[in-house]
Amino acid sequence: MPRNPFGNELFLPVFLRVILLIVVGLLAVLVAQRRSLRVWRRSTLFLRARTWFVIGPLFVIAVFTGGFVAFLLATFVVVQGSSEFVRIAGIDRRYAYLLILWGEVGLLVAALARDFFGFLPFGFFILLTLVPILSGQVQDAHRQVADTLVGYVFVGLPMAYIVFVNSAEPWGLNFLVIVTVSVAVADIAAYAVGAAVRGPKLVPRVDPSKTWGAVLGGLVGAAVGVGLLWVAVPDEWSIAAVVVLVLVVAVGSVWGDLTESFIRTAFRTEVRSTLLLGYGGVLDRVDSLLMAFPLCYYAIILTGKLVG
């Protein structure tokens, strides 16, 4: 059931910090670029900031409201993100429908039947292989099965992890807010610092635009994001866990971005959605989070066991 977000003592501090972060980031970029307001309003950074003015507060409200509101947000990301992957990979319709359907099943299992969460990847593989077996259409089926499985592991399964952690862990909501906001800050900081500092290319054959300067910016952004949301850090987390979280957010953000670039390079396509003005499609916006979220979760669990 949906909750009143104001009933959670963390909602207002987190909401105000997200708004403050967006405003300060917007002003910092404006000062750094030293352009006229008319020219700056047409820049990519302005379009990104304008997008965040909308989706940032909406995200905070949705996750603190919970219930079907949060589920609708997760559904939108799964459906739209999977659809964008389908267009990138050229996946046939029957496999595309199965990818989207199993993504939704994963959200329901993560929320309502967590004991079966570990079965999701293998269950999807079983269904995928049944398609060519039952239809008898085996030509090119190996590629379709493999590509669709990659799409699920890249989009549907990480989204199921987000719902799973939020419902299974007592600090799940805190973790979701901290990681999501920190990944967003790391992503924007990597873009801004990478454009200003440049430096050696990170992996030029995969993404020529990604530099070591962007990696440094992502690390600083991750630290700023976690530090700003220190109010949401659970008491049971150690300092070591928070430090590890910052590092994994930075690494996971870059890794997710490079993974999407690798996928586009592998499929030799530049097909992009324009759903989010200034940010392209949903997949362009959540690729870092999809990689960073499960990594951060297991990093927190592992650090807790080692330190504890």
Protein backbone atom coordinates (compact mmCIF):
# COMPACT_ATOMS: atom_id res chain seq x y z
CA MET A 1 0.00 0.00 0.00
CA PRO A 2 1.22 3.56 -0.71
CA ARG A 3 2.50 5.50 2.27
CA ASN A 4 2.43 9.16 3.15
CA PRO A 5 6.03 10.20 2.38
CA PHE A 6 5.90 12.88 5.08
CA GLY A 7 5.34 10.09 7.60
CA ASN A 8 8.98 9.08 7.11
CA GLU A 9 11.37 11.35 8.98
CA LEU A 10 13.96 10.95 6.21
CA PHE A 11 11.72 12.18 3.40
CA LEU A 12 12.00 15.94 3.90
CA PRO A 13 15.78 15.99 4.59
CA VAL A 14 16.46 13.80 1.55
CA PHE A 15 14.04 15.73 -0.68
CA LEU A 16 15.55 19.09 0.25
CA ARG A 17 19.09 17.79 -0.24
CA VAL A 18 18.24 16.51 -3.71
CA ILE A 19 16.77 19.90 -4.65
CA LEU A 20 19.82 21.68 -3.19
CA LEU A 21 22.15 19.36 -5.06
CA ILE A 22 20.44 20.09 -8.37
CA VAL A 23 20.47 23.86 -7.84
CA VAL A 24 24.12 23.98 -6.73
CA GLY A 25 25.16 21.74 -9.59
CA LEU A 26 23.31 23.93 -12.06
CA LEU A 27 24.98 27.09 -10.75
CA ALA A 28 28.41 25.45 -10.69
CA VAL A 29 28.13 24.38 -14.32
CA LEU A 30 26.91 27.85 -15.31
CA VAL A 31 29.90 29.52 -13.63
CA ALA A 32 32.39 26.98 -14.96
CA GLN A 33 31.28 27.31 -18.58
CA ARG A 34 31.19 31.12 -18.53
CA ARG A 35 28.73 31.38 -21.35
CA SER A 36 25.80 33.67 -21.86
CA LEU A 37 22.52 32.37 -20.52
CA ARG A 38 21.06 32.15 -24.04
CA VAL A 39 23.92 29.97 -25.30
CA TRP A 40 24.05 27.90 -22.11
CA ARG A 41 20.35 27.04 -22.28
CA ARG A 42 21.01 25.19 -25.54
CA SER A 43 23.91 23.16 -24.13
CA THR A 44 23.79 19.46 -23.30
CA LEU A 45 24.53 20.13 -19.63
CA PHE A 46 21.53 22.46 -19.34
CA LEU A 47 19.25 19.88 -20.94
CA ARG A 48 20.56 17.26 -18.49
CA ALA A 49 20.06 19.57 -15.51
CA ARG A 50 16.55 20.44 -16.66
CA THR A 51 15.73 16.75 -16.90
CA TRP A 52 17.01 16.19 -13.37
CA PHE A 53 14.82 19.01 -12.07
CA VAL A 54 11.86 16.84 -13.07
CA ILE A 55 12.95 13.25 -12.44
CA GLY A 56 14.98 13.89 -9.26
CA PRO A 57 12.12 15.08 -7.04
CA LEU A 58 9.67 12.64 -8.67
CA PHE A 59 11.99 9.73 -7.89
CA VAL A 60 12.30 10.71 -4.21
CA ILE A 61 8.53 11.11 -3.86
CA ALA A 62 7.86 7.77 -5.59
CA VAL A 63 10.28 5.67 -3.51
CA PHE A 64 9.13 7.17 -0.21
CA THR A 65 5.47 6.71 -1.21
CA GLY A 66 6.10 3.09 -2.13
CA GLY A 67 3.29 0.70 -3.00
CA PHE A 68 1.91 0.78 -6.52
CA VAL A 69 3.46 4.22 -7.11
CA ALA A 70 6.99 2.86 -6.78
CA PHE A 71 5.96 -0.26 -8.68
CA LEU A 72 4.69 1.83 -11.59
CA LEU A 73 8.01 3.68 -11.70
CA ALA A 74 9.93 0.38 -11.76
CA THR A 75 7.55 -0.98 -14.41
CA PHE A 76 8.12 2.04 -16.60
CA VAL A 77 11.91 1.62 -16.40
CA VAL A 78 11.71 -2.13 -17.14
CA VAL A 79 9.34 -1.76 -20.10
CA GLN A 80 11.01 1.27 -21.65
CA GLY A 81 14.57 0.12 -20.95
CA SER A 82 13.89 -3.36 -22.32
CA SER A 83 12.20 -1.90 -25.40
CA GLU A 84 15.23 0.28 -26.08
CA PHE A 85 17.52 -2.74 -25.75
CA VAL A 86 15.30 -4.67 -28.15
CA ARG A 87 15.75 -1.96 -30.78
CA ILE A 88 19.52 -1.81 -30.22
CA ALA A 89 19.98 -5.58 -30.50
CA GLY A 90 17.39 -6.21 -33.20
CA ILE A 91 15.56 -8.82 -31.11
CA ASP A 92 12.53 -10.52 -32.67
CA ARG A 93 9.08 -9.72 -31.36
CA ARG A 94 8.41 -13.05 -29.60
CA TYR A 95 11.65 -12.76 -27.63
CA ALA A 96 11.03 -9.08 -26.95
CA TYR A 97 7.64 -9.79 -25.40
CA LEU A 98 9.18 -12.49 -23.23
CA LEU A 99 11.95 -10.13 -22.12
CA ILE A 100 9.48 -7.47 -21.02
CA LEU A 101 7.09 -9.97 -19.42
CA TRP A 102 9.81 -11.68 -17.38
CA GLY A 103 11.10 -8.28 -16.30
CA GLU A 104 7.68 -7.60 -14.79
CA VAL A 105 7.57 -11.07 -13.24
CA GLY A 106 10.93 -10.32 -11.63
CA LEU A 107 9.54 -7.18 -9.98
CA LEU A 108 6.61 -9.14 -8.54
CA VAL A 109 8.81 -11.99 -7.32
CA ALA A 110 11.23 -9.54 -5.69
CA ALA A 111 8.37 -7.82 -3.89
CA LEU A 112 6.06 -10.70 -3.01
CA ALA A 113 7.95 -14.02 -3.27
CA ARG A 114 11.57 -13.30 -2.35
CA ASP A 115 12.34 -16.99 -1.67
CA PHE A 116 12.20 -17.59 -5.43
CA PHE A 117 14.35 -14.59 -6.38
CA GLY A 118 17.41 -16.75 -7.14
CA PHE A 119 15.41 -18.75 -9.68
CA LEU A 120 14.78 -15.73 -11.93
CA PRO A 121 17.83 -15.99 -14.26
CA PHE A 122 17.59 -19.75 -14.76
CA GLY A 123 13.80 -19.60 -15.13
CA PHE A 124 14.20 -17.02 -17.88
CA PHE A 125 16.78 -19.18 -19.65
CA ILE A 126 14.34 -22.12 -19.59
CA LEU A 127 11.57 -20.01 -21.14
CA LEU A 128 13.92 -18.60 -23.76
CA THR A 129 15.04 -22.02 -24.95
CA LEU A 130 11.44 -23.20 -25.11
CA VAL A 131 10.62 -20.60 -27.76
CA PRO A 132 12.67 -22.15 -30.61
CA ILE A 133 12.03 -25.70 -29.35
CA LEU A 134 8.23 -25.36 -29.39
CA SER A 135 8.03 -23.13 -32.47
CA GLY A 136 10.52 -25.15 -34.50
CA GLN A 137 12.10 -21.89 -35.73
CA VAL A 138 15.72 -22.58 -34.90
CA GLN A 139 17.42 -20.52 -37.59
CA ASP A 140 19.26 -17.63 -35.90
CA ALA A 141 17.63 -18.72 -32.62
CA HIS A 142 20.99 -19.02 -30.88
CA ARG A 143 21.66 -15.33 -31.42
CA GLN A 144 18.16 -14.33 -30.38
CA VAL A 145 18.35 -16.38 -27.19
CA ALA A 146 21.81 -15.04 -26.30
CA ASP A 147 20.95 -11.41 -27.04
CA THR A 148 17.68 -11.57 -25.13
CA LEU A 149 19.43 -13.14 -22.14
CA VAL A 150 21.98 -10.31 -22.16
CA GLY A 151 19.10 -7.83 -22.25
CA TYR A 152 17.52 -9.41 -19.18
CA VAL A 153 20.76 -9.52 -17.20
CA PHE A 154 21.46 -5.90 -18.14
CA VAL A 155 17.99 -4.42 -17.55
CA GLY A 156 15.37 -6.70 -15.99
CA LEU A 157 17.45 -8.49 -13.35
CA PRO A 158 19.08 -5.35 -11.87
CA MET A 159 15.65 -3.71 -11.63
CA ALA A 160 14.42 -6.79 -9.75
CA TYR A 161 17.39 -6.35 -7.40
CA ILE A 162 16.27 -2.80 -6.66
CA VAL A 163 12.84 -4.03 -5.58
CA PHE A 164 14.34 -7.02 -3.76
CA VAL A 165 16.77 -5.00 -1.64
CA ASN A 166 14.14 -2.38 -0.87
CA SER A 167 11.72 -5.01 0.42
CA ALA A 168 14.14 -7.52 1.98
CA GLU A 169 16.54 -5.34 3.95
CA PRO A 170 15.58 -3.13 6.91
CA TRP A 171 17.81 -0.43 5.44
CA GLY A 172 16.63 -1.07 1.87
CA LEU A 173 14.95 2.30 1.38
CA ASN A 174 17.99 4.16 2.73
CA PHE A 175 20.26 2.13 0.46
CA LEU A 176 18.08 2.78 -2.59
CA VAL A 177 18.06 6.54 -2.05
CA ILE A 178 21.78 6.81 -1.26
CA VAL A 179 22.95 4.69 -4.19
CA THR A 180 20.58 6.17 -6.76
CA VAL A 181 21.36 9.78 -5.88
CA SER A 182 25.10 9.09 -5.60
CA VAL A 183 25.17 7.35 -8.99
CA ALA A 184 23.36 10.32 -10.53
CA VAL A 185 25.86 12.77 -9.00
CA ALA A 186 28.79 10.59 -10.06
CA ASP A 187 27.42 10.39 -13.59
CA ILE A 188 27.02 14.15 -13.95
CA ALA A 189 30.37 14.87 -12.28
CA ALA A 190 32.08 12.41 -14.62
CA TYR A 191 30.55 14.19 -17.62
CA ALA A 192 31.48 17.67 -16.37
CA VAL A 193 35.03 16.86 -15.19
CA GLY A 194 35.70 14.69 -18.24
CA ALA A 195 34.74 17.55 -20.54
CA ALA A 196 36.87 20.06 -18.59
CA VAL A 197 39.95 17.97 -17.74
CA ARG A 198 39.91 15.35 -20.50
CA GLY A 199 43.19 13.43 -20.13
CA PRO A 200 44.04 9.95 -21.47
CA LYS A 201 41.26 7.86 -22.96
CA LEU A 202 39.95 5.10 -20.70
CA VAL A 203 38.86 2.51 -23.28
CA PRO A 204 38.98 4.30 -26.65
CA ARG A 205 37.85 1.30 -28.72
CA VAL A 206 34.67 1.01 -26.67
CA ASP A 207 33.90 4.65 -25.82
CA PRO A 208 36.24 7.32 -27.23
CA SER A 209 34.61 10.01 -25.09
CA LYS A 210 35.37 8.36 -21.74
CA THR A 211 38.60 9.59 -20.12
CA TRP A 212 40.45 9.06 -16.86
CA GLY A 213 39.40 12.60 -15.97
CA ALA A 214 35.79 11.41 -16.12
CA VAL A 215 36.67 8.52 -13.78
CA LEU A 216 38.13 11.01 -11.29
CA GLY A 217 35.04 13.18 -11.59
CA GLY A 218 32.84 10.15 -10.97
CA LEU A 219 34.76 9.30 -7.80
CA VAL A 220 34.40 12.85 -6.50
CA GLY A 221 30.71 12.87 -7.42
CA ALA A 222 30.13 9.56 -5.62
CA ALA A 223 31.78 10.93 -2.48
CA VAL A 224 29.71 14.11 -2.66
CA GLY A 225 26.49 12.15 -3.16
CA VAL A 226 27.09 9.78 -0.23
CA GLY A 227 28.31 12.62 1.97
CA LEU A 228 25.30 14.78 1.20
CA LEU A 229 22.96 11.92 2.12
CA TRP A 230 24.85 10.97 5.28
CA VAL A 231 21.59 11.58 7.13
CA ALA A 232 20.21 8.44 5.47
CA VAL A 233 23.21 6.18 6.26
CA PRO A 234 21.97 3.40 8.60
CA ASP A 235 23.53 3.21 12.06
CA GLU A 236 24.62 -0.40 11.51
CA TRP A 237 26.88 0.53 8.59
CA SER A 238 30.54 0.95 9.52
CA ILE A 239 32.81 3.69 8.18
CA ALA A 240 34.55 1.00 6.14
CA ALA A 241 31.23 0.09 4.52
CA VAL A 242 30.59 3.72 3.56
CA VAL A 243 34.08 4.09 2.07
CA VAL A 244 33.63 0.89 0.08
CA LEU A 245 30.21 2.13 -1.05
CA VAL A 246 31.73 5.34 -2.45
CA LEU A 247 34.36 3.38 -4.37
CA VAL A 248 31.88 0.86 -5.75
CA VAL A 249 29.43 3.59 -6.77
CA ALA A 250 32.21 5.28 -8.74
CA VAL A 251 33.43 2.06 -10.36
CA GLY A 252 29.93 0.72 -11.02
CA SER A 253 28.80 3.98 -12.63
CA VAL A 254 31.69 3.97 -15.10
CA TRP A 255 31.32 0.23 -15.67
CA GLY A 256 27.61 0.54 -16.47
CA ASP A 257 28.21 3.41 -18.86
CA LEU A 258 30.96 1.49 -20.63
CA THR A 259 28.77 -1.61 -20.79
CA GLU A 260 26.08 0.23 -22.69
CA SER A 261 28.74 1.64 -25.03
CA PHE A 262 30.11 -1.87 -25.50
CA ILE A 263 26.62 -3.16 -26.34
CA ARG A 264 26.06 -0.41 -28.90
CA THR A 265 29.50 -1.04 -30.40
CA ALA A 266 28.94 -4.79 -30.51
CA PHE A 267 25.62 -4.37 -32.31
CA ARG A 268 27.04 -1.54 -34.43
CA THR A 269 24.13 0.75 -33.82
CA GLU A 270 23.58 4.30 -32.68
CA VAL A 271 19.83 3.85 -32.23
CA ARG A 272 18.81 6.05 -29.31
CA SER A 273 15.56 7.09 -27.76
CA THR A 274 14.71 10.76 -27.27
CA LEU A 275 12.19 10.09 -24.51
CA LEU A 276 14.14 12.15 -21.96
CA LEU A 277 15.14 15.44 -23.53
CA GLY A 278 18.86 15.97 -23.02
CA TYR A 279 19.43 12.45 -21.77
CA GLY A 280 18.20 10.34 -24.64
CA GLY A 281 16.32 7.28 -23.51
CA VAL A 282 15.74 5.56 -20.19
CA LEU A 283 18.59 3.15 -20.86
CA ASP A 284 21.00 6.06 -21.28
CA ARG A 285 19.96 7.35 -17.88
CA VAL A 286 19.88 4.14 -15.84
CA ASP A 287 22.78 2.17 -17.33
CA SER A 288 25.12 3.26 -14.52
CA LEU A 289 22.57 2.45 -11.82
CA LEU A 290 21.78 -0.97 -13.28
CA MET A 291 25.41 -2.00 -12.89
CA ALA A 292 26.21 -0.13 -9.68
CA PHE A 293 23.18 -1.15 -7.59
CA PRO A 294 23.78 -4.94 -7.32
CA LEU A 295 27.53 -4.33 -6.95
CA CYS A 296 26.94 -1.88 -4.10
CA TYR A 297 24.52 -4.26 -2.39
CA TYR A 298 26.95 -7.15 -2.34
CA ALA A 299 29.78 -4.80 -1.39
CA ILE A 300 27.83 -3.68 1.69
CA ILE A 301 26.96 -7.27 2.62
CA LEU A 302 30.55 -8.49 2.16
CA THR A 303 32.06 -5.55 4.04
CA GLY A 304 29.61 -6.05 6.87
CA LYS A 305 30.60 -9.70 7.20
CA LEU A 306 34.32 -8.96 7.06
CA VAL A 307 34.25 -6.02 9.45
CA GLY A 308 31.53 -7.43 11.67
